[in-house]
């Protein structure tokens, strides 16, 4: 998406169209979600919001080396995790992730990047939640969420969904709620899922040519 003055005006609500078409870009070979998030966090001071994942899966993912917070800690210059799940935080401490906290206990620090990885689709009031992140000191906000246009949504019979999800976001609607929450979107990326099979990898190569239908939406933003 090109963030030209016309697009900014639409996002801020100063102009309106009932049927504006946005060019999504992102043509060519795309990374997997996890690879892109790792690259964005490499060498930086990171606040990882929603670090617990699904608690019942944490031990197995850590053992396999595929737990996202574990992977971020390996590449970031400093990585602090935060989550509202007290049982999950206790388990992370048990597993050796000492710098993981409940929201009210996060140390007062400066961060380069605040990462919300697959969090906002679980939250009831998205704009209020995004605004609440401004209690922390960071220079860049990165939000990853399932893409509303992903091909599996079009091909599945009925609705295929994680039953704790409340929203689907498109590139524009995610940028719109970020703007409402006091951020200025800077970059929109459409990435592949974290495929673990040969079939998934082959499918991703097909979607390199069809960026709109990739699984994951990642938007980077700064404070407005």
Foldseek 3Di string as FASTA:
>chain_A
DDPDVVLVCVLLVVDDDPDDDDDQDLAFAFAAPLVVVLVVQAAWFEEEEPQQPPVVCVVVCVVVVNRSQSSSCVGHPHYAYEYQDPVSQVVVVVVPRVRYYYPVPHDQDATAEYEAEAPQQLDDDNLVVLLVVVVHHYFKYKYKHWAPQAPCCVVDDDGDDDVSGDDHDHVSRVQSSCVVNQKHWDDKHQHAHPDDDPVSVVVSVVCSRVRNRHTMIMIMIGGD
